[in-house]
Amino acid sequence: MSEVIRRPFLRFIAVGLLNTAVGLAAVYIAGHVLGANSFAANAIGLATGFAVGYQVNRLWTFSSTESVAMTAPRYLVAFAMAYALNAAILAALLRSGSLPTILAQAIALSAYSLAFYLLCRRAVFPAAGR
């Protein structure tokens, strides 16, 4: 295995890409195959991506041996905190009107990703293979 893929932050980013792809696939299947409306399909996709992201981060990124009962609630809280940071930064940048929307979103997404990673590493899976 390459040295790059052993680094937890790069694994975390790879898992983010994976859960995005899985979530989009679930949205497509729910909406176009099963006939769910757009909001239900979106909720199914988000939940599916979130579940995949949690499990793969738990087992691969952080190699946690703690129980799901201990880590899943912390993961949910960490996600909510990182998402709140993302929304606050995005709102502030959009209010300022000084940046193109896509750049404001990229900055907010970067802050979300870094915050979520740090929260996972320090609070969700703190005992994982350090």
C-alpha atoms as a PDB file:
ATOM      1  CA  MET A   1       0.000   0.000   0.000  1.00  0.00           C
ATOM      2  CA  SER A   2       1.398   3.393  -0.897  1.00  0.00           C
ATOM      3  CA  GLU A   3       2.529   5.743   1.843  1.00  0.00           C
ATOM      4  CA  VAL A   4       0.056   8.385   0.660  1.00  0.00           C
ATOM      5  CA  ILE A   5      -3.027   6.211   1.205  1.00  0.00           C
ATOM      6  CA  ARG A   6      -1.841   5.362   4.717  1.00  0.00           C
ATOM      7  CA  ARG A   7      -2.254   8.954   5.830  1.00  0.00           C
ATOM      8  CA  PRO A   8      -5.558   9.335   7.715  1.00  0.00           C
ATOM      9  CA  PHE A   9      -6.467  12.738   6.256  1.00  0.00           C
ATOM     10  CA  LEU A  10      -6.080  11.470   2.685  1.00  0.00           C
ATOM     11  CA  ARG A  11      -8.097   8.394   3.578  1.00  0.00           C
ATOM     12  CA  PHE A  12     -10.741  10.691   5.041  1.00  0.00           C
ATOM     13  CA  ILE A  13     -10.902  12.638   1.763  1.00  0.00           C
ATOM     14  CA  ALA A  14     -11.124   9.380  -0.214  1.00  0.00           C
ATOM     15  CA  VAL A  15     -13.985   8.231   2.011  1.00  0.00           C
ATOM     16  CA  GLY A  16     -15.728  11.553   1.401  1.00  0.00           C
ATOM     17  CA  LEU A  17     -15.541  10.959  -2.333  1.00  0.00           C
ATOM     18  CA  LEU A  18     -16.797   7.395  -1.876  1.00  0.00           C
ATOM     19  CA  ASN A  19     -19.757   8.365   0.295  1.00  0.00           C
ATOM     20  CA  THR A  20     -20.664  11.109  -2.170  1.00  0.00           C
ATOM     21  CA  ALA A  21     -20.708   8.596  -5.035  1.00  0.00           C
ATOM     22  CA  VAL A  22     -22.702   6.068  -3.008  1.00  0.00           C
ATOM     23  CA  GLY A  23     -25.129   8.780  -1.908  1.00  0.00           C
ATOM     24  CA  LEU A  24     -25.677   9.955  -5.473  1.00  0.00           C
ATOM     25  CA  ALA A  25     -26.238   6.379  -6.603  1.00  0.00           C
ATOM     26  CA  ALA A  26     -28.809   5.924  -3.837  1.00  0.00           C
ATOM     27  CA  VAL A  27     -30.563   9.160  -4.894  1.00  0.00           C
ATOM     28  CA  TYR A  28     -30.704   7.894  -8.467  1.00  0.00           C
ATOM     29  CA  ILE A  29     -31.998   4.446  -7.514  1.00  0.00           C
ATOM     30  CA  ALA A  30     -34.565   5.825  -5.077  1.00  0.00           C
ATOM     31  CA  GLY A  31     -35.834   8.446  -7.497  1.00  0.00           C
ATOM     32  CA  HIS A  32     -35.514   6.871 -10.918  1.00  0.00           C
ATOM     33  CA  VAL A  33     -35.842   3.170 -10.177  1.00  0.00           C
ATOM     34  CA  LEU A  34     -38.100   3.084  -7.121  1.00  0.00           C
ATOM     35  CA  GLY A  35     -40.087   6.223  -7.968  1.00  0.00           C
ATOM     36  CA  ALA A  36     -39.481   8.208  -4.775  1.00  0.00           C
ATOM     37  CA  ASN A  37     -40.029  11.958  -4.978  1.00  0.00           C
ATOM     38  CA  SER A  38     -36.981  14.238  -5.079  1.00  0.00           C
ATOM     39  CA  PHE A  39     -37.019  15.039  -1.355  1.00  0.00           C
ATOM     40  CA  ALA A  40     -37.374  11.408  -0.279  1.00  0.00           C
ATOM     41  CA  ALA A  41     -34.675  10.343  -2.743  1.00  0.00           C
ATOM     42  CA  ASN A  42     -32.392  13.081  -1.431  1.00  0.00           C
ATOM     43  CA  ALA A  43     -32.954  11.985   2.184  1.00  0.00           C
ATOM     44  CA  ILE A  44     -32.252   8.356   1.254  1.00  0.00           C
ATOM     45  CA  GLY A  45     -29.062   9.392  -0.539  1.00  0.00           C
ATOM     46  CA  LEU A  46     -27.855  11.511   2.372  1.00  0.00           C
ATOM     47  CA  ALA A  47     -28.566   8.774   4.905  1.00  0.00           C
ATOM     48  CA  THR A  48     -26.896   6.128   2.748  1.00  0.00           C
ATOM     49  CA  GLY A  49     -23.795   8.248   2.137  1.00  0.00           C
ATOM     50  CA  PHE A  50     -23.602   9.175   5.809  1.00  0.00           C
ATOM     51  CA  ALA A  51     -23.802   5.511   6.885  1.00  0.00           C
ATOM     52  CA  VAL A  52     -21.149   4.442   4.382  1.00  0.00           C
ATOM     53  CA  GLY A  53     -18.890   7.340   5.399  1.00  0.00           C
ATOM     54  CA  TYR A  54     -19.234   6.467   9.074  1.00  0.00           C
ATOM     55  CA  GLN A  55     -18.449   2.774   8.629  1.00  0.00           C
ATOM     56  CA  VAL A  56     -15.525   3.221   6.244  1.00  0.00           C
ATOM     57  CA  ASN A  57     -14.015   6.014   8.342  1.00  0.00           C
ATOM     58  CA  ARG A  58     -14.470   3.959  11.487  1.00  0.00           C
ATOM     59  CA  LEU A  59     -12.896   0.819  10.075  1.00  0.00           C
ATOM     60  CA  TRP A  60     -10.376   2.096   7.487  1.00  0.00           C
ATOM     61  CA  THR A  61      -9.489   5.740   8.092  1.00  0.00           C
ATOM     62  CA  PHE A  62      -9.217   5.532  11.866  1.00  0.00           C
ATOM     63  CA  SER A  63      -9.121   1.732  12.450  1.00  0.00           C
ATOM     64  CA  SER A  64     -11.362   2.140  15.473  1.00  0.00           C
ATOM     65  CA  THR A  65     -12.197  -0.837  17.646  1.00  0.00           C
ATOM     66  CA  GLU A  66     -14.698   1.106  19.754  1.00  0.00           C
ATOM     67  CA  SER A  67     -18.308   0.039  19.469  1.00  0.00           C
ATOM     68  CA  VAL A  68     -20.791   1.577  17.086  1.00  0.00           C
ATOM     69  CA  ALA A  69     -22.896   2.492  20.124  1.00  0.00           C
ATOM     70  CA  MET A  70     -20.048   4.703  21.352  1.00  0.00           C
ATOM     71  CA  THR A  71     -18.797   6.193  18.103  1.00  0.00           C
ATOM     72  CA  ALA A  72     -21.942   6.643  15.970  1.00  0.00           C
ATOM     73  CA  PRO A  73     -23.529   9.320  18.192  1.00  0.00           C
ATOM     74  CA  ARG A  74     -20.219  11.185  18.381  1.00  0.00           C
ATOM     75  CA  TYR A  75     -19.887  10.978  14.589  1.00  0.00           C
ATOM     76  CA  LEU A  76     -23.356  12.453  14.170  1.00  0.00           C
ATOM     77  CA  VAL A  77     -22.562  15.334  16.540  1.00  0.00           C
ATOM     78  CA  ALA A  78     -19.220  15.965  14.825  1.00  0.00           C
ATOM     79  CA  PHE A  79     -20.954  16.031  11.452  1.00  0.00           C
ATOM     80  CA  ALA A  80     -23.565  18.497  12.748  1.00  0.00           C
ATOM     81  CA  MET A  81     -20.862  20.758  14.182  1.00  0.00           C
ATOM     82  CA  ALA A  82     -18.808  20.716  10.980  1.00  0.00           C
ATOM     83  CA  TYR A  83     -21.908  21.328   8.887  1.00  0.00           C
ATOM     84  CA  ALA A  84     -22.901  24.268  11.100  1.00  0.00           C
ATOM     85  CA  LEU A  85     -19.421  25.737  10.592  1.00  0.00           C
ATOM     86  CA  ASN A  86     -19.784  25.212   6.839  1.00  0.00           C
ATOM     87  CA  ALA A  87     -23.156  26.967   6.774  1.00  0.00           C
ATOM     88  CA  ALA A  88     -21.921  29.876   8.906  1.00  0.00           C
ATOM     89  CA  ILE A  89     -18.850  30.458   6.759  1.00  0.00           C
ATOM     90  CA  LEU A  90     -20.859  30.176   3.551  1.00  0.00           C
ATOM     91  CA  ALA A  91     -23.500  32.602   4.810  1.00  0.00           C
ATOM     92  CA  ALA A  92     -20.869  35.127   5.898  1.00  0.00           C
ATOM     93  CA  LEU A  93     -18.997  34.913   2.613  1.00  0.00           C
ATOM     94  CA  LEU A  94     -22.165  35.208   0.546  1.00  0.00           C
ATOM     95  CA  ARG A  95     -23.359  38.181   2.638  1.00  0.00           C
ATOM     96  CA  SER A  96     -20.076  39.945   2.033  1.00  0.00           C
ATOM     97  CA  GLY A  97     -20.649  39.682  -1.692  1.00  0.00           C
ATOM     98  CA  SER A  98     -16.925  39.894  -2.342  1.00  0.00           C
ATOM     99  CA  LEU A  99     -16.435  36.373  -3.725  1.00  0.00           C
ATOM    100  CA  PRO A 100     -18.034  34.368  -6.491  1.00  0.00           C
ATOM    101  CA  THR A 101     -20.501  31.845  -5.073  1.00  0.00           C
ATOM    102  CA  ILE A 102     -18.451  28.836  -6.155  1.00  0.00           C
ATOM    103  CA  LEU A 103     -15.355  30.174  -4.387  1.00  0.00           C
ATOM    104  CA  ALA A 104     -17.367  30.868  -1.222  1.00  0.00           C
ATOM    105  CA  GLN A 105     -18.686  27.305  -1.377  1.00  0.00           C
ATOM    106  CA  ALA A 106     -15.190  25.896  -1.890  1.00  0.00           C
ATOM    107  CA  ILE A 107     -13.889  27.787   1.150  1.00  0.00           C
ATOM    108  CA  ALA A 108     -16.843  26.667   3.280  1.00  0.00           C
ATOM    109  CA  LEU A 109     -16.450  23.059   2.104  1.00  0.00           C
ATOM    110  CA  SER A 110     -12.734  23.124   2.920  1.00  0.00           C
ATOM    111  CA  ALA A 111     -13.482  24.382   6.427  1.00  0.00           C
ATOM    112  CA  TYR A 112     -16.144  21.671   6.840  1.00  0.00           C
ATOM    113  CA  SER A 113     -13.776  18.915   5.693  1.00  0.00           C
ATOM    114  CA  LEU A 114     -10.929  19.999   7.951  1.00  0.00           C
ATOM    115  CA  ALA A 115     -13.199  20.528  10.975  1.00  0.00           C
ATOM    116  CA  PHE A 116     -14.955  17.190  10.465  1.00  0.00           C
ATOM    117  CA  TYR A 117     -11.636  15.379  10.122  1.00  0.00           C
ATOM    118  CA  LEU A 118     -10.221  16.977  13.276  1.00  0.00           C
ATOM    119  CA  LEU A 119     -13.390  16.247  15.240  1.00  0.00           C
ATOM    120  CA  CYS A 120     -13.351  12.630  14.058  1.00  0.00           C
ATOM    121  CA  ARG A 121      -9.696  12.217  14.906  1.00  0.00           C
ATOM    122  CA  ARG A 122      -9.862  13.906  18.311  1.00  0.00           C
ATOM    123  CA  ALA A 123     -13.394  13.266  19.576  1.00  0.00           C
ATOM    124  CA  VAL A 124     -15.134  10.525  17.589  1.00  0.00           C
ATOM    125  CA  PHE A 125     -12.304   7.993  17.247  1.00  0.00           C
ATOM    126  CA  PRO A 126      -9.732   9.297  19.771  1.00  0.00           C
ATOM    127  CA  ALA A 127      -8.244   5.930  20.658  1.00  0.00           C
ATOM    128  CA  ALA A 128      -7.887   4.714  17.089  1.00  0.00           C
ATOM    129  CA  GLY A 129      -4.414   3.467  16.185  1.00  0.00           C
ATOM    130  CA  ARG A 130      -2.231   6.460  17.010  1.00  0.00           C
END
